[in-house]
Amino acid sequence: METKYIIEGLKGLGLEHVKDINEFFDSEDMVGVWFSGEQAVDMLEVYNPYWDETSSGYTIWLDGLLAPIERFLDASGWYWEPYDSGTIHAYPMED
């Protein structure tokens, strides 16, 4: 799916700061998007970037906040990955 449709879809899930990955890396030939994990977290109002995989906060982060984002990206043939504690990147899956 084209980047512009992914951006529109993520904005439709409530994310306001969703941009083409080329703006993040000052490039012209990459395919992907980036969005503010911090803004996404504000929607949930619970987040600590230092929680580990066994804590309840991490489960809220993955199962609560990112679940609809992950479902949308997966259905579109894309995946997400954290860049740092405040930034998430998404890219198309390779065939």
PDB file of N, CA and C in Angstrom:
ATOM      1  N   MET A   1       0.846  -1.173   0.000  1.00  0.00           N
ATOM      2  CA  MET A   1       0.000   0.000   0.000  1.00  0.00           C
ATOM      3  C   MET A   1       0.894   1.239   0.000  1.00  0.00           C
ATOM      4  N   GLU A   2       0.486   2.248  -0.705  1.00  0.00           N
ATOM      5  CA  GLU A   2       1.285   3.456  -0.824  1.00  0.00           C
ATOM      6  C   GLU A   2       1.388   4.207   0.505  1.00  0.00           C
ATOM      7  N   THR A   3       2.493   4.893   0.663  1.00  0.00           N
ATOM      8  CA  THR A   3       2.776   5.635   1.887  1.00  0.00           C
ATOM      9  C   THR A   3       1.664   6.613   2.237  1.00  0.00           C
ATOM     10  N   LYS A   4       1.129   7.318   1.255  1.00  0.00           N
ATOM     11  CA  LYS A   4       0.106   8.329   1.558  1.00  0.00           C
ATOM     12  C   LYS A   4      -1.136   7.696   2.176  1.00  0.00           C
ATOM     13  N   TYR A   5      -1.471   6.461   1.771  1.00  0.00           N
ATOM     14  CA  TYR A   5      -2.628   5.782   2.342  1.00  0.00           C
ATOM     15  C   TYR A   5      -2.350   5.309   3.764  1.00  0.00           C
ATOM     16  N   ILE A   6      -1.117   4.929   4.032  1.00  0.00           N
ATOM     17  CA  ILE A   6      -0.734   4.538   5.388  1.00  0.00           C
ATOM     18  C   ILE A   6      -0.813   5.760   6.303  1.00  0.00           C
ATOM     19  N   ILE A   7      -0.312   6.885   5.835  1.00  0.00           N
ATOM     20  CA  ILE A   7      -0.376   8.121   6.624  1.00  0.00           C
ATOM     21  C   ILE A   7      -1.833   8.477   6.932  1.00  0.00           C
ATOM     22  N   GLU A   8      -2.681   8.430   5.917  1.00  0.00           N
ATOM     23  CA  GLU A   8      -4.100   8.739   6.110  1.00  0.00           C
ATOM     24  C   GLU A   8      -4.749   7.758   7.088  1.00  0.00           C
ATOM     25  N   GLY A   9      -4.425   6.479   6.963  1.00  0.00           N
ATOM     26  CA  GLY A   9      -5.001   5.464   7.846  1.00  0.00           C
ATOM     27  C   GLY A   9      -4.575   5.646   9.294  1.00  0.00           C
ATOM     28  N   LEU A  10      -3.297   5.960   9.513  1.00  0.00           N
ATOM     29  CA  LEU A  10      -2.820   6.178  10.882  1.00  0.00           C
ATOM     30  C   LEU A  10      -3.434   7.439  11.481  1.00  0.00           C
ATOM     31  N   LYS A  11      -3.598   8.456  10.667  1.00  0.00           N
ATOM     32  CA  LYS A  11      -4.269   9.665  11.153  1.00  0.00           C
ATOM     33  C   LYS A  11      -5.722   9.354  11.498  1.00  0.00           C
ATOM     34  N   GLY A  12      -6.324   8.467  10.727  1.00  0.00           N
ATOM     35  CA  GLY A  12      -7.691   8.046  11.011  1.00  0.00           C
ATOM     36  C   GLY A  12      -7.827   7.290  12.326  1.00  0.00           C
ATOM     37  N   LEU A  13      -6.717   6.719  12.807  1.00  0.00           N
ATOM     38  CA  LEU A  13      -6.718   6.041  14.107  1.00  0.00           C
ATOM     39  C   LEU A  13      -6.482   7.020  15.253  1.00  0.00           C
ATOM     40  N   GLY A  14      -6.300   8.285  14.925  1.00  0.00           N
ATOM     41  CA  GLY A  14      -6.139   9.295  15.957  1.00  0.00           C
ATOM     42  C   GLY A  14      -4.747   9.868  16.091  1.00  0.00           C
ATOM     43  N   LEU A  15      -3.795   9.361  15.323  1.00  0.00           N
ATOM     44  CA  LEU A  15      -2.442   9.911  15.381  1.00  0.00           C
ATOM     45  C   LEU A  15      -2.389  11.194  14.560  1.00  0.00           C
ATOM     46  N   GLU A  16      -1.851  12.240  15.135  1.00  0.00           N
ATOM     47  CA  GLU A  16      -1.792  13.522  14.432  1.00  0.00           C
ATOM     48  C   GLU A  16      -0.463  13.728  13.719  1.00  0.00           C
ATOM     49  N   HIS A  17       0.610  13.275  14.315  1.00  0.00           N
ATOM     50  CA  HIS A  17       1.942  13.520  13.759  1.00  0.00           C
ATOM     51  C   HIS A  17       2.432  12.260  13.034  1.00  0.00           C
ATOM     52  N   VAL A  18       2.044  12.130  11.785  1.00  0.00           N
ATOM     53  CA  VAL A  18       2.468  11.004  10.943  1.00  0.00           C
ATOM     54  C   VAL A  18       3.092  11.598   9.693  1.00  0.00           C
ATOM     55  N   LYS A  19       4.326  11.224   9.401  1.00  0.00           N
ATOM     56  CA  LYS A  19       5.059  11.829   8.280  1.00  0.00           C
ATOM     57  C   LYS A  19       5.740  10.755   7.430  1.00  0.00           C
ATOM     58  N   ASP A  20       6.061  11.118   6.225  1.00  0.00           N
ATOM     59  CA  ASP A  20       6.844  10.266   5.340  1.00  0.00           C
ATOM     60  C   ASP A  20       8.239  10.081   5.952  1.00  0.00           C
ATOM     61  N   ILE A  21       8.765   8.877   5.898  1.00  0.00           N
ATOM     62  CA  ILE A  21      10.070   8.564   6.491  1.00  0.00           C
ATOM     63  C   ILE A  21      11.198   9.401   5.884  1.00  0.00           C
ATOM     64  N   ASN A  22      11.019   9.838   4.650  1.00  0.00           N
ATOM     65  CA  ASN A  22      12.047  10.660   4.006  1.00  0.00           C
ATOM     66  C   ASN A  22      12.243  11.996   4.713  1.00  0.00           C
ATOM     67  N   GLU A  23      11.202  12.501   5.356  1.00  0.00           N
ATOM     68  CA  GLU A  23      11.346  13.732   6.135  1.00  0.00           C
ATOM     69  C   GLU A  23      12.186  13.492   7.381  1.00  0.00           C
ATOM     70  N   PHE A  24      12.100  12.305   7.951  1.00  0.00           N
ATOM     71  CA  PHE A  24      12.858  11.978   9.151  1.00  0.00           C
ATOM     72  C   PHE A  24      14.346  11.868   8.845  1.00  0.00           C
ATOM     73  N   PHE A  25      14.671  11.169   7.758  1.00  0.00           N
ATOM     74  CA  PHE A  25      16.067  10.920   7.409  1.00  0.00           C
ATOM     75  C   PHE A  25      16.624  11.902   6.382  1.00  0.00           C
ATOM     76  N   ASP A  26      15.835  12.894   5.983  1.00  0.00           N
ATOM     77  CA  ASP A  26      16.251  13.844   4.956  1.00  0.00           C
ATOM     78  C   ASP A  26      16.754  13.093   3.721  1.00  0.00           C
ATOM     79  N   SER A  27      15.887  12.236   3.229  1.00  0.00           N
ATOM     80  CA  SER A  27      16.200  11.366   2.098  1.00  0.00           C
ATOM     81  C   SER A  27      15.109  11.534   1.054  1.00  0.00           C
ATOM     82  N   GLU A  28      15.270  10.847  -0.063  1.00  0.00           N
ATOM     83  CA  GLU A  28      14.239  10.886  -1.099  1.00  0.00           C
ATOM     84  C   GLU A  28      13.853   9.502  -1.614  1.00  0.00           C
ATOM     85  N   ASP A  29      14.579   8.475  -1.200  1.00  0.00           N
ATOM     86  CA  ASP A  29      14.366   7.173  -1.823  1.00  0.00           C
ATOM     87  C   ASP A  29      13.914   6.072  -0.863  1.00  0.00           C
ATOM     88  N   MET A  30      13.463   6.437   0.327  1.00  0.00           N
ATOM     89  CA  MET A  30      13.009   5.436   1.284  1.00  0.00           C
ATOM     90  C   MET A  30      11.490   5.313   1.230  1.00  0.00           C
ATOM     91  N   VAL A  31      10.986   4.162   1.624  1.00  0.00           N
ATOM     92  CA  VAL A  31       9.548   3.943   1.704  1.00  0.00           C
ATOM     93  C   VAL A  31       9.225   3.615   3.158  1.00  0.00           C
ATOM     94  N   GLY A  32       8.393   4.431   3.774  1.00  0.00           N
ATOM     95  CA  GLY A  32       8.019   4.211   5.159  1.00  0.00           C
ATOM     96  C   GLY A  32       7.382   5.459   5.735  1.00  0.00           C
ATOM     97  N   VAL A  33       6.957   5.348   6.976  1.00  0.00           N
ATOM     98  CA  VAL A  33       6.401   6.484   7.696  1.00  0.00           C
ATOM     99  C   VAL A  33       6.988   6.510   9.096  1.00  0.00           C
ATOM    100  N   TRP A  34       6.894   7.653   9.732  1.00  0.00           N
ATOM    101  CA  TRP A  34       7.251   7.738  11.141  1.00  0.00           C
ATOM    102  C   TRP A  34       6.188   8.533  11.858  1.00  0.00           C
ATOM    103  N   PHE A  35       5.998   8.184  13.114  1.00  0.00           N
ATOM    104  CA  PHE A  35       5.029   8.917  13.909  1.00  0.00           C
ATOM    105  C   PHE A  35       5.502   9.006  15.345  1.00  0.00           C
ATOM    106  N   SER A  36       4.935   9.953  16.031  1.00  0.00           N
ATOM    107  CA  SER A  36       5.319  10.234  17.401  1.00  0.00           C
ATOM    108  C   SER A  36       4.723   9.203  18.335  1.00  0.00           C
ATOM    109  N   GLY A  37       5.584   8.410  18.929  1.00  0.00           N
ATOM    110  CA  GLY A  37       5.122   7.497  19.963  1.00  0.00           C
ATOM    111  C   GLY A  37       4.630   8.255  21.176  1.00  0.00           C
ATOM    112  N   GLU A  38       5.203   9.435  21.405  1.00  0.00           N
ATOM    113  CA  GLU A  38       4.776  10.251  22.538  1.00  0.00           C
ATOM    114  C   GLU A  38       3.345  10.738  22.351  1.00  0.00           C
ATOM    115  N   GLN A  39       2.999  11.172  21.147  1.00  0.00           N
ATOM    116  CA  GLN A  39       1.630  11.622  20.899  1.00  0.00           C
ATOM    117  C   GLN A  39       0.676  10.442  20.996  1.00  0.00           C
ATOM    118  N   ALA A  40       1.107   9.304  20.519  1.00  0.00           N
ATOM    119  CA  ALA A  40       0.275   8.110  20.621  1.00  0.00           C
ATOM    120  C   ALA A  40       0.059   7.752  22.079  1.00  0.00           C
ATOM    121  N   VAL A  41       1.080   7.885  22.882  1.00  0.00           N
ATOM    122  CA  VAL A  41       0.985   7.581  24.299  1.00  0.00           C
ATOM    123  C   VAL A  41       0.049   8.553  25.002  1.00  0.00           C
ATOM    124  N   ASP A  42       0.069   9.805  24.592  1.00  0.00           N
ATOM    125  CA  ASP A  42      -0.842  10.780  25.196  1.00  0.00           C
ATOM    126  C   ASP A  42      -2.291  10.341  25.022  1.00  0.00           C
ATOM    127  N   MET A  43      -2.571   9.622  23.940  1.00  0.00           N
ATOM    128  CA  MET A  43      -3.922   9.120  23.715  1.00  0.00           C
ATOM    129  C   MET A  43      -4.284   8.092  24.776  1.00  0.00           C
ATOM    130  N   LEU A  44      -3.298   7.335  25.248  1.00  0.00           N
ATOM    131  CA  LEU A  44      -3.521   6.291  26.246  1.00  0.00           C
ATOM    132  C   LEU A  44      -3.299   6.828  27.653  1.00  0.00           C
ATOM    133  N   GLU A  45      -2.426   7.818  27.799  1.00  0.00           N
ATOM    134  CA  GLU A  45      -2.078   8.445  29.062  1.00  0.00           C
ATOM    135  C   GLU A  45      -1.357   7.504  30.017  1.00  0.00           C
ATOM    136  N   VAL A  46      -0.719   6.466  29.491  1.00  0.00           N
ATOM    137  CA  VAL A  46       0.090   5.569  30.310  1.00  0.00           C
ATOM    138  C   VAL A  46       1.298   5.168  29.492  1.00  0.00           C
ATOM    139  N   TYR A  47       2.492   5.462  30.006  1.00  0.00           N
ATOM    140  CA  TYR A  47       3.693   4.997  29.309  1.00  0.00           C
ATOM    141  C   TYR A  47       4.934   5.287  30.121  1.00  0.00           C
ATOM    142  N   ASN A  48       5.810   4.351  30.149  1.00  0.00           N
ATOM    143  CA  ASN A  48       7.136   4.519  30.718  1.00  0.00           C
ATOM    144  C   ASN A  48       8.071   3.764  29.799  1.00  0.00           C
ATOM    145  N   PRO A  49       8.959   4.444  29.076  1.00  0.00           N
ATOM    146  CA  PRO A  49       9.795   3.749  28.089  1.00  0.00           C
ATOM    147  C   PRO A  49      10.778   2.756  28.689  1.00  0.00           C
ATOM    148  N   TYR A  50      10.888   2.744  30.008  1.00  0.00           N
ATOM    149  CA  TYR A  50      11.853   1.848  30.630  1.00  0.00           C
ATOM    150  C   TYR A  50      11.228   0.566  31.175  1.00  0.00           C
ATOM    151  N   TRP A  51       9.912   0.395  31.021  1.00  0.00           N
ATOM    152  CA  TRP A  51       9.300  -0.859  31.434  1.00  0.00           C
ATOM    153  C   TRP A  51       9.852  -1.998  30.595  1.00  0.00           C
ATOM    154  N   ASP A  52       9.962  -3.156  31.199  1.00  0.00           N
ATOM    155  CA  ASP A  52      10.437  -4.300  30.425  1.00  0.00           C
ATOM    156  C   ASP A  52       9.250  -5.155  29.991  1.00  0.00           C
ATOM    157  N   GLU A  53       9.551  -6.247  29.321  1.00  0.00           N
ATOM    158  CA  GLU A  53       8.502  -7.082  28.729  1.00  0.00           C
ATOM    159  C   GLU A  53       7.582  -7.731  29.750  1.00  0.00           C
ATOM    160  N   THR A  54       8.007  -7.839  30.998  1.00  0.00           N
ATOM    161  CA  THR A  54       7.183  -8.528  31.987  1.00  0.00           C
ATOM    162  C   THR A  54       6.260  -7.595  32.748  1.00  0.00           C
ATOM    163  N   SER A  55       6.391  -6.298  32.568  1.00  0.00           N
ATOM    164  CA  SER A  55       5.581  -5.371  33.352  1.00  0.00           C
ATOM    165  C   SER A  55       4.216  -5.152  32.715  1.00  0.00           C
ATOM    166  N   SER A  56       3.269  -4.766  33.552  1.00  0.00           N
ATOM    167  CA  SER A  56       1.920  -4.522  33.047  1.00  0.00           C
ATOM    168  C   SER A  56       1.886  -3.307  32.116  1.00  0.00           C
ATOM    169  N   GLY A  57       2.753  -2.322  32.355  1.00  0.00           N
ATOM    170  CA  GLY A  57       2.787  -1.157  31.484  1.00  0.00           C
ATOM    171  C   GLY A  57       3.165  -1.508  30.067  1.00  0.00           C
ATOM    172  N   TYR A  58       4.106  -2.426  29.913  1.00  0.00           N
ATOM    173  CA  TYR A  58       4.521  -2.850  28.581  1.00  0.00           C
ATOM    174  C   TYR A  58       3.363  -3.538  27.873  1.00  0.00           C
ATOM    175  N   THR A  59       2.595  -4.332  28.613  1.00  0.00           N
ATOM    176  CA  THR A  59       1.442  -5.010  28.032  1.00  0.00           C
ATOM    177  C   THR A  59       0.394  -3.993  27.598  1.00  0.00           C
ATOM    178  N   ILE A  60       0.167  -2.980  28.424  1.00  0.00           N
ATOM    179  CA  ILE A  60      -0.777  -1.921  28.033  1.00  0.00           C
ATOM    180  C   ILE A  60      -0.297  -1.249  26.755  1.00  0.00           C
ATOM    181  N   TRP A  61       0.986  -0.979  26.674  1.00  0.00           N
ATOM    182  CA  TRP A  61       1.565  -0.321  25.493  1.00  0.00           C
ATOM    183  C   TRP A  61       1.337  -1.157  24.246  1.00  0.00           C
ATOM    184  N   LEU A  62       1.668  -2.440  24.303  1.00  0.00           N
ATOM    185  CA  LEU A  62       1.550  -3.286  23.112  1.00  0.00           C
ATOM    186  C   LEU A  62       0.121  -3.715  22.839  1.00  0.00           C
ATOM    187  N   ASP A  63      -0.563  -4.224  23.850  1.00  0.00           N
ATOM    188  CA  ASP A  63      -1.901  -4.763  23.640  1.00  0.00           C
ATOM    189  C   ASP A  63      -2.973  -3.683  23.584  1.00  0.00           C
ATOM    190  N   GLY A  64      -2.747  -2.569  24.257  1.00  0.00           N
ATOM    191  CA  GLY A  64      -3.751  -1.516  24.289  1.00  0.00           C
ATOM    192  C   GLY A  64      -3.568  -0.491  23.198  1.00  0.00           C
ATOM    193  N   LEU A  65      -2.460   0.214  23.246  1.00  0.00           N
ATOM    194  CA  LEU A  65      -2.237   1.313  22.315  1.00  0.00           C
ATOM    195  C   LEU A  65      -1.891   0.842  20.922  1.00  0.00           C
ATOM    196  N   LEU A  66      -0.919  -0.031  20.809  1.00  0.00           N
ATOM    197  CA  LEU A  66      -0.427  -0.393  19.486  1.00  0.00           C
ATOM    198  C   LEU A  66      -1.245  -1.470  18.793  1.00  0.00           C
ATOM    199  N   ALA A  67      -2.155  -2.116  19.497  1.00  0.00           N
ATOM    200  CA  ALA A  67      -2.943  -3.179  18.866  1.00  0.00           C
ATOM    201  C   ALA A  67      -3.694  -2.689  17.626  1.00  0.00           C
ATOM    202  N   PRO A  68      -4.463  -1.586  17.681  1.00  0.00           N
ATOM    203  CA  PRO A  68      -5.158  -1.145  16.469  1.00  0.00           C
ATOM    204  C   PRO A  68      -4.188  -0.666  15.391  1.00  0.00           C
ATOM    205  N   ILE A  69      -3.095  -0.057  15.806  1.00  0.00           N
ATOM    206  CA  ILE A  69      -2.090   0.389  14.840  1.00  0.00           C
ATOM    207  C   ILE A  69      -1.467  -0.822  14.156  1.00  0.00           C
ATOM    208  N   GLU A  70      -1.111  -1.820  14.952  1.00  0.00           N
ATOM    209  CA  GLU A  70      -0.503  -3.025  14.384  1.00  0.00           C
ATOM    210  C   GLU A  70      -1.472  -3.767  13.470  1.00  0.00           C
ATOM    211  N   ARG A  71      -2.745  -3.854  13.863  1.00  0.00           N
ATOM    212  CA  ARG A  71      -3.735  -4.522  13.006  1.00  0.00           C
ATOM    213  C   ARG A  71      -3.863  -3.804  11.665  1.00  0.00           C
ATOM    214  N   PHE A  72      -3.924  -2.471  11.688  1.00  0.00           N
ATOM    215  CA  PHE A  72      -4.024  -1.697  10.456  1.00  0.00           C
ATOM    216  C   PHE A  72      -2.793  -1.909   9.584  1.00  0.00           C
ATOM    217  N   LEU A  73      -1.606  -1.775  10.173  1.00  0.00           N
ATOM    218  CA  LEU A  73      -0.379  -1.931   9.396  1.00  0.00           C
ATOM    219  C   LEU A  73      -0.257  -3.338   8.829  1.00  0.00           C
ATOM    220  N   ASP A  74      -0.559  -4.340   9.649  1.00  0.00           N
ATOM    221  CA  ASP A  74      -0.461  -5.732   9.196  1.00  0.00           C
ATOM    222  C   ASP A  74      -1.427  -5.999   8.039  1.00  0.00           C
ATOM    223  N   ALA A  75      -2.643  -5.506   8.157  1.00  0.00           N
ATOM    224  CA  ALA A  75      -3.629  -5.693   7.078  1.00  0.00           C
ATOM    225  C   ALA A  75      -3.204  -4.981   5.799  1.00  0.00           C
ATOM    226  N   SER A  76      -2.359  -3.946   5.956  1.00  0.00           N
ATOM    227  CA  SER A  76      -1.872  -3.178   4.808  1.00  0.00           C
ATOM    228  C   SER A  76      -0.545  -3.703   4.272  1.00  0.00           C
ATOM    229  N   GLY A  77      -0.014  -4.762   4.901  1.00  0.00           N
ATOM    230  CA  GLY A  77       1.269  -5.316   4.465  1.00  0.00           C
ATOM    231  C   GLY A  77       2.468  -4.537   4.987  1.00  0.00           C
ATOM    232  N   TRP A  78       2.297  -3.860   6.125  1.00  0.00           N
ATOM    233  CA  TRP A  78       3.360  -3.082   6.740  1.00  0.00           C
ATOM    234  C   TRP A  78       3.634  -3.601   8.149  1.00  0.00           C
ATOM    235  N   TYR A  79       4.759  -3.199   8.728  1.00  0.00           N
ATOM    236  CA  TYR A  79       5.091  -3.523  10.115  1.00  0.00           C
ATOM    237  C   TYR A  79       5.666  -2.278  10.778  1.00  0.00           C
ATOM    238  N   TRP A  80       5.662  -2.230  12.097  1.00  0.00           N
ATOM    239  CA  TRP A  80       6.200  -1.093  12.837  1.00  0.00           C
ATOM    240  C   TRP A  80       7.389  -1.556  13.662  1.00  0.00           C
ATOM    241  N   GLU A  81       8.233  -0.581  14.027  1.00  0.00           N
ATOM    242  CA  GLU A  81       9.333  -0.839  14.947  1.00  0.00           C
ATOM    243  C   GLU A  81       9.667   0.461  15.666  1.00  0.00           C
ATOM    244  N   PRO A  82      10.066   0.372  16.926  1.00  0.00           N
ATOM    245  CA  PRO A  82      10.456   1.596  17.626  1.00  0.00           C
ATOM    246  C   PRO A  82      11.797   2.096  17.106  1.00  0.00           C
ATOM    247  N   TYR A  83      11.922   3.395  16.945  1.00  0.00           N
ATOM    248  CA  TYR A  83      13.204   3.998  16.590  1.00  0.00           C
ATOM    249  C   TYR A  83      13.910   4.424  17.872  1.00  0.00           C
ATOM    250  N   ASP A  84      13.157   5.052  18.752  1.00  0.00           N
ATOM    251  CA  ASP A  84      13.613   5.386  20.095  1.00  0.00           C
ATOM    252  C   ASP A  84      12.364   5.446  20.972  1.00  0.00           C
ATOM    253  N   SER A  85      12.488   5.885  22.198  1.00  0.00           N
ATOM    254  CA  SER A  85      11.341   5.839  23.109  1.00  0.00           C
ATOM    255  C   SER A  85      10.216   6.785  22.714  1.00  0.00           C
ATOM    256  N   GLY A  86      10.457   7.704  21.790  1.00  0.00           N
ATOM    257  CA  GLY A  86       9.413   8.638  21.389  1.00  0.00           C
ATOM    258  C   GLY A  86       9.058   8.609  19.923  1.00  0.00           C
ATOM    259  N   THR A  87       9.649   7.676  19.164  1.00  0.00           N
ATOM    260  CA  THR A  87       9.440   7.651  17.711  1.00  0.00           C
ATOM    261  C   THR A  87       9.219   6.228  17.233  1.00  0.00           C
ATOM    262  N   ILE A  88       8.231   6.051  16.379  1.00  0.00           N
ATOM    263  CA  ILE A  88       7.950   4.736  15.798  1.00  0.00           C
ATOM    264  C   ILE A  88       8.030   4.855  14.279  1.00  0.00           C
ATOM    265  N   HIS A  89       8.695   3.896  13.669  1.00  0.00           N
ATOM    266  CA  HIS A  89       8.786   3.833  12.212  1.00  0.00           C
ATOM    267  C   HIS A  89       7.942   2.656  11.726  1.00  0.00           C
ATOM    268  N   ALA A  90       7.395   2.800  10.538  1.00  0.00           N
ATOM    269  CA  ALA A  90       6.652   1.711   9.892  1.00  0.00           C
ATOM    270  C   ALA A  90       7.124   1.579   8.460  1.00  0.00           C
ATOM    271  N   TYR A  91       7.252   0.333   8.025  1.00  0.00           N
ATOM    272  CA  TYR A  91       7.767   0.038   6.684  1.00  0.00           C
ATOM    273  C   TYR A  91       6.937  -1.059   6.035  1.00  0.00           C
ATOM    274  N   PRO A  92       6.923  -1.104   4.702  1.00  0.00           N
ATOM    275  CA  PRO A  92       6.235  -2.220   4.037  1.00  0.00           C
ATOM    276  C   PRO A  92       7.012  -3.514   4.243  1.00  0.00           C
ATOM    277  N   MET A  93       6.260  -4.598   4.401  1.00  0.00           N
ATOM    278  CA  MET A  93       6.903  -5.913   4.507  1.00  0.00           C
ATOM    279  C   MET A  93       7.455  -6.287   3.139  1.00  0.00           C
ATOM    280  N   GLU A  94       8.577  -6.935   3.148  1.00  0.00           N
ATOM    281  CA  GLU A  94       9.159  -7.386   1.881  1.00  0.00           C
ATOM    282  C   GLU A  94       8.511  -8.685   1.467  1.00  0.00           C
ATOM    283  N   ASP A  95       8.356  -8.872   0.172  1.00  0.00           N
ATOM    284  CA  ASP A  95       7.733 -10.096  -0.362  1.00  0.00           C
ATOM    285  C   ASP A  95       8.628 -11.292  -0.180  1.00  0.00           C
TER     286      ASP A  95
END
